Amino acid sequence: MQPLVRTSTLVYALLWAICADTHATELLIDQKDKQFSKKSVKIKVGDVVEFRNSDPFAHNIFSLSDAKSFDLGSYPQGQSKKVSFDKPGRVEVECSIHPGMQMVVEVEK
């Protein structure tokens, strides 16, 4: 019976390692002084970026990129919106209210 216990323990350990490796990472990007807190970031497929508005006025974050197209709509100070990136590629992110706000998200496999 001892080999069966070792085998099942090994199987559970392998499953845990596989599942732990596939968890998405969440990255916070702050919006303050009409700027993103980072000009560019590299993430993995499946990761989530949270865009938090720390300015005393609204932002409307969007992307028209082939790798990920989205429009978060206008949201005020203190609120956050999240975007999950589901395929690799370069994603150019902008604010429709403040044209000078731009950043790049590089999504890797």
PDB file of N, CA and C in Angstrom:
ATOM      1  N   MET A   1       0.818  -1.201   0.000  1.00  0.00           N
ATOM      2  CA  MET A   1       0.000   0.000   0.000  1.00  0.00           C
ATOM      3  C   MET A   1       0.857   1.257   0.000  1.00  0.00           C
ATOM      4  N   GLN A   2       2.025   1.185   0.459  1.00  0.00           N
ATOM      5  CA  GLN A   2       2.896   2.355   0.511  1.00  0.00           C
ATOM      6  C   GLN A   2       3.199   2.923  -0.881  1.00  0.00           C
ATOM      7  N   PRO A   3       3.495   2.094  -1.922  1.00  0.00           N
ATOM      8  CA  PRO A   3       3.742   2.674  -3.249  1.00  0.00           C
ATOM      9  C   PRO A   3       2.547   3.447  -3.795  1.00  0.00           C
ATOM     10  N   LEU A   4       1.313   3.005  -3.497  1.00  0.00           N
ATOM     11  CA  LEU A   4       0.130   3.711  -3.956  1.00  0.00           C
ATOM     12  C   LEU A   4       0.046   5.101  -3.325  1.00  0.00           C
ATOM     13  N   VAL A   5       0.378   5.198  -2.060  1.00  0.00           N
ATOM     14  CA  VAL A   5       0.362   6.491  -1.378  1.00  0.00           C
ATOM     15  C   VAL A   5       1.394   7.415  -1.999  1.00  0.00           C
ATOM     16  N   ARG A   6       2.572   6.902  -2.261  1.00  0.00           N
ATOM     17  CA  ARG A   6       3.607   7.727  -2.888  1.00  0.00           C
ATOM     18  C   ARG A   6       3.189   8.175  -4.283  1.00  0.00           C
ATOM     19  N   THR A   7       2.566   7.284  -5.052  1.00  0.00           N
ATOM     20  CA  THR A   7       2.125   7.624  -6.395  1.00  0.00           C
ATOM     21  C   THR A   7       1.059   8.712  -6.360  1.00  0.00           C
ATOM     22  N   SER A   8       0.066   8.553  -5.482  1.00  0.00           N
ATOM     23  CA  SER A   8      -0.993   9.565  -5.430  1.00  0.00           C
ATOM     24  C   SER A   8      -0.443  10.898  -4.914  1.00  0.00           C
ATOM     25  N   THR A   9       0.496  10.858  -3.985  1.00  0.00           N
ATOM     26  CA  THR A   9       1.113  12.094  -3.495  1.00  0.00           C
ATOM     27  C   THR A   9       1.860  12.788  -4.627  1.00  0.00           C
ATOM     28  N   LEU A  10       2.561  12.012  -5.433  1.00  0.00           N
ATOM     29  CA  LEU A  10       3.289  12.568  -6.572  1.00  0.00           C
ATOM     30  C   LEU A  10       2.330  13.172  -7.591  1.00  0.00           C
ATOM     31  N   VAL A  11       1.231  12.488  -7.862  1.00  0.00           N
ATOM     32  CA  VAL A  11       0.238  12.997  -8.810  1.00  0.00           C
ATOM     33  C   VAL A  11      -0.340  14.323  -8.309  1.00  0.00           C
ATOM     34  N   TYR A  12      -0.705  14.385  -7.026  1.00  0.00           N
ATOM     35  CA  TYR A  12      -1.237  15.630  -6.463  1.00  0.00           C
ATOM     36  C   TYR A  12      -0.203  16.749  -6.523  1.00  0.00           C
ATOM     37  N   ALA A  13       1.038  16.434  -6.247  1.00  0.00           N
ATOM     38  CA  ALA A  13       2.096  17.446  -6.296  1.00  0.00           C
ATOM     39  C   ALA A  13       2.264  17.984  -7.720  1.00  0.00           C
ATOM     40  N   LEU A  14       2.224  17.097  -8.712  1.00  0.00           N
ATOM     41  CA  LEU A  14       2.341  17.525 -10.100  1.00  0.00           C
ATOM     42  C   LEU A  14       1.148  18.375 -10.528  1.00  0.00           C
ATOM     43  N   LEU A  15      -0.054  17.962 -10.150  1.00  0.00           N
ATOM     44  CA  LEU A  15      -1.239  18.749 -10.483  1.00  0.00           C
ATOM     45  C   LEU A  15      -1.186  20.122  -9.846  1.00  0.00           C
ATOM     46  N   TRP A  16      -0.739  20.205  -8.609  1.00  0.00           N
ATOM     47  CA  TRP A  16      -0.631  21.487  -7.928  1.00  0.00           C
ATOM     48  C   TRP A  16       0.366  22.386  -8.642  1.00  0.00           C
ATOM     49  N   ALA A  17       1.503  21.819  -9.050  1.00  0.00           N
ATOM     50  CA  ALA A  17       2.529  22.604  -9.751  1.00  0.00           C
ATOM     51  C   ALA A  17       2.001  23.130 -11.083  1.00  0.00           C
ATOM     52  N   ILE A  18       1.248  22.304 -11.805  1.00  0.00           N
ATOM     53  CA  ILE A  18       0.687  22.726 -13.086  1.00  0.00           C
ATOM     54  C   ILE A  18      -0.328  23.836 -12.872  1.00  0.00           C
ATOM     55  N   CYS A  19      -1.220  23.665 -11.910  1.00  0.00           N
ATOM     56  CA  CYS A  19      -2.244  24.675 -11.636  1.00  0.00           C
ATOM     57  C   CYS A  19      -1.628  25.965 -11.117  1.00  0.00           C
ATOM     58  N   ALA A  20      -0.630  25.858 -10.269  1.00  0.00           N
ATOM     59  CA  ALA A  20       0.019  27.052  -9.724  1.00  0.00           C
ATOM     60  C   ALA A  20       0.694  27.845 -10.830  1.00  0.00           C
ATOM     61  N   ASP A  21       1.212  27.153 -11.833  1.00  0.00           N
ATOM     62  CA  ASP A  21       1.909  27.810 -12.922  1.00  0.00           C
ATOM     63  C   ASP A  21       0.946  28.521 -13.874  1.00  0.00           C
ATOM     64  N   THR A  22      -0.328  28.117 -13.894  1.00  0.00           N
ATOM     65  CA  THR A  22      -1.274  28.700 -14.837  1.00  0.00           C
ATOM     66  C   THR A  22      -2.096  29.842 -14.244  1.00  0.00           C
ATOM     67  N   HIS A  23      -1.866  30.204 -12.996  1.00  0.00           N
ATOM     68  CA  HIS A  23      -2.605  31.308 -12.400  1.00  0.00           C
ATOM     69  C   HIS A  23      -2.205  32.620 -13.050  1.00  0.00           C
ATOM     70  N   ALA A  24      -3.191  33.416 -13.333  1.00  0.00           N
ATOM     71  CA  ALA A  24      -2.940  34.721 -13.939  1.00  0.00           C
ATOM     72  C   ALA A  24      -2.358  35.674 -12.905  1.00  0.00           C
ATOM     73  N   THR A  25      -1.485  36.520 -13.364  1.00  0.00           N
ATOM     74  CA  THR A  25      -0.921  37.573 -12.536  1.00  0.00           C
ATOM     75  C   THR A  25      -1.744  38.831 -12.765  1.00  0.00           C
ATOM     76  N   GLU A  26      -1.895  39.624 -11.721  1.00  0.00           N
ATOM     77  CA  GLU A  26      -2.605  40.889 -11.844  1.00  0.00           C
ATOM     78  C   GLU A  26      -1.618  42.028 -11.624  1.00  0.00           C
ATOM     79  N   LEU A  27      -1.628  42.995 -12.527  1.00  0.00           N
ATOM     80  CA  LEU A  27      -0.713  44.128 -12.484  1.00  0.00           C
ATOM     81  C   LEU A  27      -1.522  45.411 -12.366  1.00  0.00           C
ATOM     82  N   LEU A  28      -1.129  46.285 -11.443  1.00  0.00           N
ATOM     83  CA  LEU A  28      -1.819  47.559 -11.246  1.00  0.00           C
ATOM     84  C   LEU A  28      -1.089  48.667 -12.001  1.00  0.00           C
ATOM     85  N   ILE A  29      -1.830  49.372 -12.838  1.00  0.00           N
ATOM     86  CA  ILE A  29      -1.322  50.558 -13.531  1.00  0.00           C
ATOM     87  C   ILE A  29      -2.135  51.741 -13.025  1.00  0.00           C
ATOM     88  N   ASP A  30      -1.454  52.689 -12.414  1.00  0.00           N
ATOM     89  CA  ASP A  30      -2.109  53.864 -11.868  1.00  0.00           C
ATOM     90  C   ASP A  30      -2.187  54.947 -12.935  1.00  0.00           C
ATOM     91  N   GLN A  31      -3.226  55.774 -12.866  1.00  0.00           N
ATOM     92  CA  GLN A  31      -3.382  56.934 -13.736  1.00  0.00           C
ATOM     93  C   GLN A  31      -3.359  58.159 -12.836  1.00  0.00           C
ATOM     94  N   LYS A  32      -2.292  58.948 -12.954  1.00  0.00           N
ATOM     95  CA  LYS A  32      -2.132  60.129 -12.108  1.00  0.00           C
ATOM     96  C   LYS A  32      -1.406  61.202 -12.906  1.00  0.00           C
ATOM     97  N   ASP A  33      -1.836  62.453 -12.730  1.00  0.00           N
ATOM     98  CA  ASP A  33      -1.250  63.583 -13.448  1.00  0.00           C
ATOM     99  C   ASP A  33      -1.333  63.391 -14.968  1.00  0.00           C
ATOM    100  N   LYS A  34      -2.434  62.829 -15.418  1.00  0.00           N
ATOM    101  CA  LYS A  34      -2.683  62.578 -16.847  1.00  0.00           C
ATOM    102  C   LYS A  34      -1.607  61.697 -17.472  1.00  0.00           C
ATOM    103  N   GLN A  35      -1.112  60.729 -16.685  1.00  0.00           N
ATOM    104  CA  GLN A  35      -0.105  59.784 -17.163  1.00  0.00           C
ATOM    105  C   GLN A  35      -0.390  58.404 -16.601  1.00  0.00           C
ATOM    106  N   PHE A  36       0.063  57.385 -17.325  1.00  0.00           N
ATOM    107  CA  PHE A  36       0.063  56.037 -16.782  1.00  0.00           C
ATOM    108  C   PHE A  36       1.309  55.889 -15.919  1.00  0.00           C
ATOM    109  N   SER A  37       1.239  55.087 -14.876  1.00  0.00           N
ATOM    110  CA  SER A  37       2.389  54.916 -13.986  1.00  0.00           C
ATOM    111  C   SER A  37       3.551  54.207 -14.671  1.00  0.00           C
ATOM    112  N   LYS A  38       3.297  53.527 -15.784  1.00  0.00           N
ATOM    113  CA  LYS A  38       4.351  52.882 -16.579  1.00  0.00           C
ATOM    114  C   LYS A  38       4.086  53.168 -18.046  1.00  0.00           C
ATOM    115  N   LYS A  39       5.148  53.376 -18.798  1.00  0.00           N
ATOM    116  CA  LYS A  39       5.025  53.625 -20.240  1.00  0.00           C
ATOM    117  C   LYS A  39       4.872  52.321 -21.023  1.00  0.00           C
ATOM    118  N   SER A  40       5.438  51.235 -20.469  1.00  0.00           N
ATOM    119  CA  SER A  40       5.306  49.925 -21.103  1.00  0.00           C
ATOM    120  C   SER A  40       5.475  48.837 -20.054  1.00  0.00           C
ATOM    121  N   VAL A  41       4.807  47.721 -20.302  1.00  0.00           N
ATOM    122  CA  VAL A  41       4.908  46.551 -19.425  1.00  0.00           C
ATOM    123  C   VAL A  41       4.919  45.296 -20.280  1.00  0.00           C
ATOM    124  N   LYS A  42       5.518  44.232 -19.746  1.00  0.00           N
ATOM    125  CA  LYS A  42       5.483  42.919 -20.376  1.00  0.00           C
ATOM    126  C   LYS A  42       4.726  41.997 -19.441  1.00  0.00           C
ATOM    127  N   ILE A  43       3.724  41.320 -20.004  1.00  0.00           N
ATOM    128  CA  ILE A  43       2.928  40.381 -19.236  1.00  0.00           C
ATOM    129  C   ILE A  43       2.786  39.087 -20.023  1.00  0.00           C
ATOM    130  N   LYS A  44       2.156  38.092 -19.423  1.00  0.00           N
ATOM    131  CA  LYS A  44       1.910  36.806 -20.068  1.00  0.00           C
ATOM    132  C   LYS A  44       0.444  36.711 -20.475  1.00  0.00           C
ATOM    133  N   VAL A  45       0.167  35.869 -21.463  1.00  0.00           N
ATOM    134  CA  VAL A  45      -1.210  35.595 -21.857  1.00  0.00           C
ATOM    135  C   VAL A  45      -1.978  35.127 -20.626  1.00  0.00           C
ATOM    136  N   GLY A  46      -3.155  35.679 -20.413  1.00  0.00           N
ATOM    137  CA  GLY A  46      -3.982  35.331 -19.268  1.00  0.00           C
ATOM    138  C   GLY A  46      -3.851  36.302 -18.107  1.00  0.00           C
ATOM    139  N   ASP A  47      -2.816  37.130 -18.129  1.00  0.00           N
ATOM    140  CA  ASP A  47      -2.638  38.111 -17.051  1.00  0.00           C
ATOM    141  C   ASP A  47      -3.695  39.211 -17.147  1.00  0.00           C
ATOM    142  N   VAL A  48      -3.896  39.883 -16.026  1.00  0.00           N
ATOM    143  CA  VAL A  48      -4.900  40.930 -15.916  1.00  0.00           C
ATOM    144  C   VAL A  48      -4.211  42.231 -15.537  1.00  0.00           C
ATOM    145  N   VAL A  49      -4.590  43.314 -16.190  1.00  0.00           N
ATOM    146  CA  VAL A  49      -4.088  44.639 -15.842  1.00  0.00           C
ATOM    147  C   VAL A  49      -5.256  45.428 -15.261  1.00  0.00           C
ATOM    148  N   GLU A  50      -5.024  45.990 -14.077  1.00  0.00           N
ATOM    149  CA  GLU A  50      -6.016  46.843 -13.436  1.00  0.00           C
ATOM    150  C   GLU A  50      -5.598  48.294 -13.646  1.00  0.00           C
ATOM    151  N   PHE A  51      -6.494  49.085 -14.213  1.00  0.00           N
ATOM    152  CA  PHE A  51      -6.247  50.498 -14.454  1.00  0.00           C
ATOM    153  C   PHE A  51      -6.982  51.298 -13.385  1.00  0.00           C
ATOM    154  N   ARG A  52      -6.227  51.896 -12.466  1.00  0.00           N
ATOM    155  CA  ARG A  52      -6.820  52.663 -11.359  1.00  0.00           C
ATOM    156  C   ARG A  52      -6.693  54.156 -11.642  1.00  0.00           C
ATOM    157  N   ASN A  53      -7.795  54.871 -11.477  1.00  0.00           N
ATOM    158  CA  ASN A  53      -7.811  56.320 -11.695  1.00  0.00           C
ATOM    159  C   ASN A  53      -7.534  57.034 -10.374  1.00  0.00           C
ATOM    160  N   SER A  54      -6.361  57.656 -10.269  1.00  0.00           N
ATOM    161  CA  SER A  54      -5.992  58.433  -9.083  1.00  0.00           C
ATOM    162  C   SER A  54      -6.030  59.935  -9.351  1.00  0.00           C
ATOM    163  N   ASP A  55      -6.526  60.325 -10.516  1.00  0.00           N
ATOM    164  CA  ASP A  55      -6.676  61.745 -10.842  1.00  0.00           C
ATOM    165  C   ASP A  55      -8.042  62.246 -10.369  1.00  0.00           C
ATOM    166  N   PRO A  56      -8.167  63.554 -10.121  1.00  0.00           N
ATOM    167  CA  PRO A  56      -9.451  64.107  -9.664  1.00  0.00           C
ATOM    168  C   PRO A  56     -10.457  64.329 -10.802  1.00  0.00           C
ATOM    169  N   PHE A  57     -10.226  63.686 -11.948  1.00  0.00           N
ATOM    170  CA  PHE A  57     -11.129  63.793 -13.091  1.00  0.00           C
ATOM    171  C   PHE A  57     -11.195  62.439 -13.781  1.00  0.00           C
ATOM    172  N   ALA A  58     -12.143  62.271 -14.669  1.00  0.00           N
ATOM    173  CA  ALA A  58     -12.380  60.986 -15.328  1.00  0.00           C
ATOM    174  C   ALA A  58     -11.319  60.658 -16.379  1.00  0.00           C
ATOM    175  N   HIS A  59     -11.154  59.361 -16.606  1.00  0.00           N
ATOM    176  CA  HIS A  59     -10.350  58.828 -17.709  1.00  0.00           C
ATOM    177  C   HIS A  59     -11.215  57.820 -18.463  1.00  0.00           C
ATOM    178  N   ASN A  60     -10.891  57.609 -19.728  1.00  0.00           N
ATOM    179  CA  ASN A  60     -11.560  56.593 -20.542  1.00  0.00           C
ATOM    180  C   ASN A  60     -10.469  55.822 -21.280  1.00  0.00           C
ATOM    181  N   ILE A  61     -10.079  54.695 -20.723  1.00  0.00           N
ATOM    182  CA  ILE A  61      -8.972  53.904 -21.245  1.00  0.00           C
ATOM    183  C   ILE A  61      -9.493  52.946 -22.318  1.00  0.00           C
ATOM    184  N   PHE A  62      -8.738  52.891 -23.441  1.00  0.00           N
ATOM    185  CA  PHE A  62      -9.162  52.024 -24.542  1.00  0.00           C
ATOM    186  C   PHE A  62      -7.964  51.545 -25.346  1.00  0.00           C
ATOM    187  N   SER A  63      -8.215  50.540 -26.202  1.00  0.00           N
ATOM    188  CA  SER A  63      -7.227  50.076 -27.166  1.00  0.00           C
ATOM    189  C   SER A  63      -7.962  49.585 -28.405  1.00  0.00           C
ATOM    190  N   LEU A  64      -7.405  49.892 -29.554  1.00  0.00           N
ATOM    191  CA  LEU A  64      -7.930  49.402 -30.821  1.00  0.00           C
ATOM    192  C   LEU A  64      -6.973  48.389 -31.442  1.00  0.00           C
ATOM    193  N   SER A  65      -6.041  47.879 -30.661  1.00  0.00           N
ATOM    194  CA  SER A  65      -5.014  46.958 -31.146  1.00  0.00           C
ATOM    195  C   SER A  65      -5.612  45.611 -31.540  1.00  0.00           C
ATOM    196  N   ASP A  66      -4.992  44.968 -32.530  1.00  0.00           N
ATOM    197  CA  ASP A  66      -5.448  43.649 -32.973  1.00  0.00           C
ATOM    198  C   ASP A  66      -5.340  42.610 -31.860  1.00  0.00           C
ATOM    199  N   ALA A  67      -4.299  42.692 -31.050  1.00  0.00           N
ATOM    200  CA  ALA A  67      -4.087  41.698 -29.983  1.00  0.00           C
ATOM    201  C   ALA A  67      -5.132  41.819 -28.879  1.00  0.00           C
ATOM    202  N   LYS A  68      -5.657  43.017 -28.655  1.00  0.00           N
ATOM    203  CA  LYS A  68      -6.692  43.226 -27.638  1.00  0.00           C
ATOM    204  C   LYS A  68      -7.353  44.575 -27.891  1.00  0.00           C
ATOM    205  N   SER A  69      -8.637  44.524 -28.184  1.00  0.00           N
ATOM    206  CA  SER A  69      -9.414  45.732 -28.383  1.00  0.00           C
ATOM    207  C   SER A  69     -10.389  45.855 -27.213  1.00  0.00           C
ATOM    208  N   PHE A  70     -10.439  47.043 -26.585  1.00  0.00           N
ATOM    209  CA  PHE A  70     -11.352  47.257 -25.468  1.00  0.00           C
ATOM    210  C   PHE A  70     -11.595  48.743 -25.264  1.00  0.00           C
ATOM    211  N   ASP A  71     -12.679  49.058 -24.576  1.00  0.00           N
ATOM    212  CA  ASP A  71     -13.008  50.428 -24.190  1.00  0.00           C
ATOM    213  C   ASP A  71     -13.616  50.344 -22.797  1.00  0.00           C
ATOM    214  N   LEU A  72     -12.928  50.892 -21.804  1.00  0.00           N
ATOM    215  CA  LEU A  72     -13.378  50.784 -20.418  1.00  0.00           C
ATOM    216  C   LEU A  72     -14.428  51.823 -20.049  1.00  0.00           C
ATOM    217  N   GLY A  73     -14.717  52.751 -20.929  1.00  0.00           N
ATOM    218  CA  GLY A  73     -15.684  53.789 -20.614  1.00  0.00           C
ATOM    219  C   GLY A  73     -15.099  54.789 -19.634  1.00  0.00           C
ATOM    220  N   SER A  74     -15.822  55.851 -19.402  1.00  0.00           N
ATOM    221  CA  SER A  74     -15.357  56.909 -18.503  1.00  0.00           C
ATOM    222  C   SER A  74     -15.582  56.493 -17.054  1.00  0.00           C
ATOM    223  N   TYR A  75     -14.550  56.675 -16.226  1.00  0.00           N
ATOM    224  CA  TYR A  75     -14.707  56.366 -14.801  1.00  0.00           C
ATOM    225  C   TYR A  75     -13.901  57.349 -13.950  1.00  0.00           C
ATOM    226  N   PRO A  76     -14.447  57.695 -12.767  1.00  0.00           N
ATOM    227  CA  PRO A  76     -13.895  58.772 -11.945  1.00  0.00           C
ATOM    228  C   PRO A  76     -12.765  58.328 -11.014  1.00  0.00           C
ATOM    229  N   GLN A  77     -12.226  59.306 -10.310  1.00  0.00           N
ATOM    230  CA  GLN A  77     -11.174  59.084  -9.314  1.00  0.00           C
ATOM    231  C   GLN A  77     -11.613  58.012  -8.309  1.00  0.00           C
ATOM    232  N   GLY A  78     -10.653  57.164  -7.967  1.00  0.00           N
ATOM    233  CA  GLY A  78     -10.897  56.135  -6.966  1.00  0.00           C
ATOM    234  C   GLY A  78     -11.426  54.830  -7.528  1.00  0.00           C
ATOM    235  N   GLN A  79     -11.851  54.817  -8.772  1.00  0.00           N
ATOM    236  CA  GLN A  79     -12.354  53.587  -9.374  1.00  0.00           C
ATOM    237  C   GLN A  79     -11.282  52.923 -10.223  1.00  0.00           C
ATOM    238  N   SER A  80     -11.430  51.607 -10.375  1.00  0.00           N
ATOM    239  CA  SER A  80     -10.532  50.809 -11.198  1.00  0.00           C
ATOM    240  C   SER A  80     -11.341  49.966 -12.163  1.00  0.00           C
ATOM    241  N   LYS A  81     -10.719  49.638 -13.275  1.00  0.00           N
ATOM    242  CA  LYS A  81     -11.305  48.696 -14.227  1.00  0.00           C
ATOM    243  C   LYS A  81     -10.195  47.747 -14.652  1.00  0.00           C
ATOM    244  N   LYS A  82     -10.571  46.486 -14.914  1.00  0.00           N
ATOM    245  CA  LYS A  82      -9.601  45.448 -15.240  1.00  0.00           C
ATOM    246  C   LYS A  82      -9.789  44.948 -16.658  1.00  0.00           C
ATOM    247  N   VAL A  83      -8.644  44.546 -17.251  1.00  0.00           N
ATOM    248  CA  VAL A  83      -8.643  43.961 -18.585  1.00  0.00           C
ATOM    249  C   VAL A  83      -7.806  42.694 -18.534  1.00  0.00           C
ATOM    250  N   SER A  84      -8.372  41.605 -19.051  1.00  0.00           N
ATOM    251  CA  SER A  84      -7.655  40.337 -19.164  1.00  0.00           C
ATOM    252  C   SER A  84      -7.108  40.228 -20.588  1.00  0.00           C
ATOM    253  N   PHE A  85      -5.838  39.876 -20.708  1.00  0.00           N
ATOM    254  CA  PHE A  85      -5.186  39.793 -22.012  1.00  0.00           C
ATOM    255  C   PHE A  85      -5.078  38.323 -22.405  1.00  0.00           C
ATOM    256  N   ASP A  86      -5.832  37.916 -23.446  1.00  0.00           N
ATOM    257  CA  ASP A  86      -5.994  36.506 -23.769  1.00  0.00           C
ATOM    258  C   ASP A  86      -5.220  36.005 -24.984  1.00  0.00           C
ATOM    259  N   LYS A  87      -4.453  36.874 -25.622  1.00  0.00           N
ATOM    260  CA  LYS A  87      -3.594  36.399 -26.712  1.00  0.00           C
ATOM    261  C   LYS A  87      -2.352  37.279 -26.807  1.00  0.00           C
ATOM    262  N   PRO A  88      -1.274  36.717 -27.357  1.00  0.00           N
ATOM    263  CA  PRO A  88      -0.020  37.477 -27.423  1.00  0.00           C
ATOM    264  C   PRO A  88      -0.083  38.605 -28.446  1.00  0.00           C
ATOM    265  N   GLY A  89       0.758  39.608 -28.210  1.00  0.00           N
ATOM    266  CA  GLY A  89       0.866  40.711 -29.148  1.00  0.00           C
ATOM    267  C   GLY A  89       1.112  42.030 -28.447  1.00  0.00           C
ATOM    268  N   ARG A  90       1.228  43.055 -29.240  1.00  0.00           N
ATOM    269  CA  ARG A  90       1.474  44.417 -28.748  1.00  0.00           C
ATOM    270  C   ARG A  90       0.131  45.145 -28.647  1.00  0.00           C
ATOM    271  N   VAL A  91      -0.144  45.693 -27.464  1.00  0.00           N
ATOM    272  CA  VAL A  91      -1.401  46.400 -27.233  1.00  0.00           C
ATOM    273  C   VAL A  91      -1.083  47.845 -26.872  1.00  0.00           C
ATOM    274  N   GLU A  92      -1.502  48.756 -27.726  1.00  0.00           N
ATOM    275  CA  GLU A  92      -1.315  50.182 -27.473  1.00  0.00           C
ATOM    276  C   GLU A  92      -2.538  50.690 -26.723  1.00  0.00           C
ATOM    277  N   VAL A  93      -2.311  51.278 -25.547  1.00  0.00           N
ATOM    278  CA  VAL A  93      -3.383  51.721 -24.654  1.00  0.00           C
ATOM    279  C   VAL A  93      -3.360  53.242 -24.581  1.00  0.00           C
ATOM    280  N   GLU A  94      -4.541  53.846 -24.653  1.00  0.00           N
ATOM    281  CA  GLU A  94      -4.652  55.301 -24.622  1.00  0.00           C
ATOM    282  C   GLU A  94      -5.845  55.729 -23.780  1.00  0.00           C
ATOM    283  N   CYS A  95      -5.921  57.030 -23.506  1.00  0.00           N
ATOM    284  CA  CYS A  95      -7.084  57.632 -22.860  1.00  0.00           C
ATOM    285  C   CYS A  95      -7.763  58.517 -23.891  1.00  0.00           C
ATOM    286  N   SER A  96      -9.057  58.302 -24.121  1.00  0.00           N
ATOM    287  CA  SER A  96      -9.760  59.095 -25.135  1.00  0.00           C
ATOM    288  C   SER A  96      -9.991  60.544 -24.691  1.00  0.00           C
ATOM    289  N   ILE A  97      -9.892  60.798 -23.389  1.00  0.00           N
ATOM    290  CA  ILE A  97     -10.091  62.149 -22.864  1.00  0.00           C
ATOM    291  C   ILE A  97      -8.784  62.940 -22.878  1.00  0.00           C
ATOM    292  N   HIS A  98      -7.670  62.244 -22.655  1.00  0.00           N
ATOM    293  CA  HIS A  98      -6.347  62.883 -22.587  1.00  0.00           C
ATOM    294  C   HIS A  98      -5.424  62.207 -23.611  1.00  0.00           C
ATOM    295  N   PRO A  99      -5.360  62.731 -24.830  1.00  0.00           N
ATOM    296  CA  PRO A  99      -4.610  62.087 -25.911  1.00  0.00           C
ATOM    297  C   PRO A  99      -3.125  61.844 -25.614  1.00  0.00           C
ATOM    298  N   GLY A 100      -2.537  62.599 -24.708  1.00  0.00           N
ATOM    299  CA  GLY A 100      -1.127  62.398 -24.373  1.00  0.00           C
ATOM    300  C   GLY A 100      -0.872  61.172 -23.495  1.00  0.00           C
ATOM    301  N   MET A 101      -1.934  60.581 -22.965  1.00  0.00           N
ATOM    302  CA  MET A 101      -1.799  59.382 -22.121  1.00  0.00           C
ATOM    303  C   MET A 101      -1.704  58.159 -23.025  1.00  0.00           C
ATOM    304  N   GLN A 102      -0.523  57.568 -23.065  1.00  0.00           N
ATOM    305  CA  GLN A 102      -0.303  56.390 -23.901  1.00  0.00           C
ATOM    306  C   GLN A 102       0.642  55.441 -23.194  1.00  0.00           C
ATOM    307  N   MET A 103       0.424  54.157 -23.404  1.00  0.00           N
ATOM    308  CA  MET A 103       1.342  53.121 -22.903  1.00  0.00           C
ATOM    309  C   MET A 103       1.225  51.900 -23.811  1.00  0.00           C
ATOM    310  N   VAL A 104       2.165  50.966 -23.646  1.00  0.00           N
ATOM    311  CA  VAL A 104       2.182  49.740 -24.436  1.00  0.00           C
ATOM    312  C   VAL A 104       2.198  48.544 -23.496  1.00  0.00           C
ATOM    313  N   VAL A 105       1.356  47.571 -23.787  1.00  0.00           N
ATOM    314  CA  VAL A 105       1.349  46.296 -23.065  1.00  0.00           C
ATOM    315  C   VAL A 105       1.827  45.230 -24.042  1.00  0.00           C
ATOM    316  N   GLU A 106       2.965  44.624 -23.756  1.00  0.00           N
ATOM    317  CA  GLU A 106       3.496  43.537 -24.567  1.00  0.00           C
ATOM    318  C   GLU A 106       3.050  42.222 -23.931  1.00  0.00           C
ATOM    319  N   VAL A 107       2.214  41.465 -24.637  1.00  0.00           N
ATOM    320  CA  VAL A 107       1.677  40.222 -24.098  1.00  0.00           C
ATOM    321  C   VAL A 107       2.440  39.064 -24.734  1.00  0.00           C
ATOM    322  N   GLU A 108       3.094  38.261 -23.896  1.00  0.00           N
ATOM    323  CA  GLU A 108       3.907  37.132 -24.368  1.00  0.00           C
ATOM    324  C   GLU A 108       3.233  35.822 -24.010  1.00  0.00           C
ATOM    325  N   LYS A 109       3.581  34.790 -24.759  1.00  0.00           N
ATOM    326  CA  LYS A 109       3.051  33.434 -24.481  1.00  0.00           C
ATOM    327  C   LYS A 109       3.558  32.921 -23.174  1.00  0.00           C
TER     328      LYS A 109
END
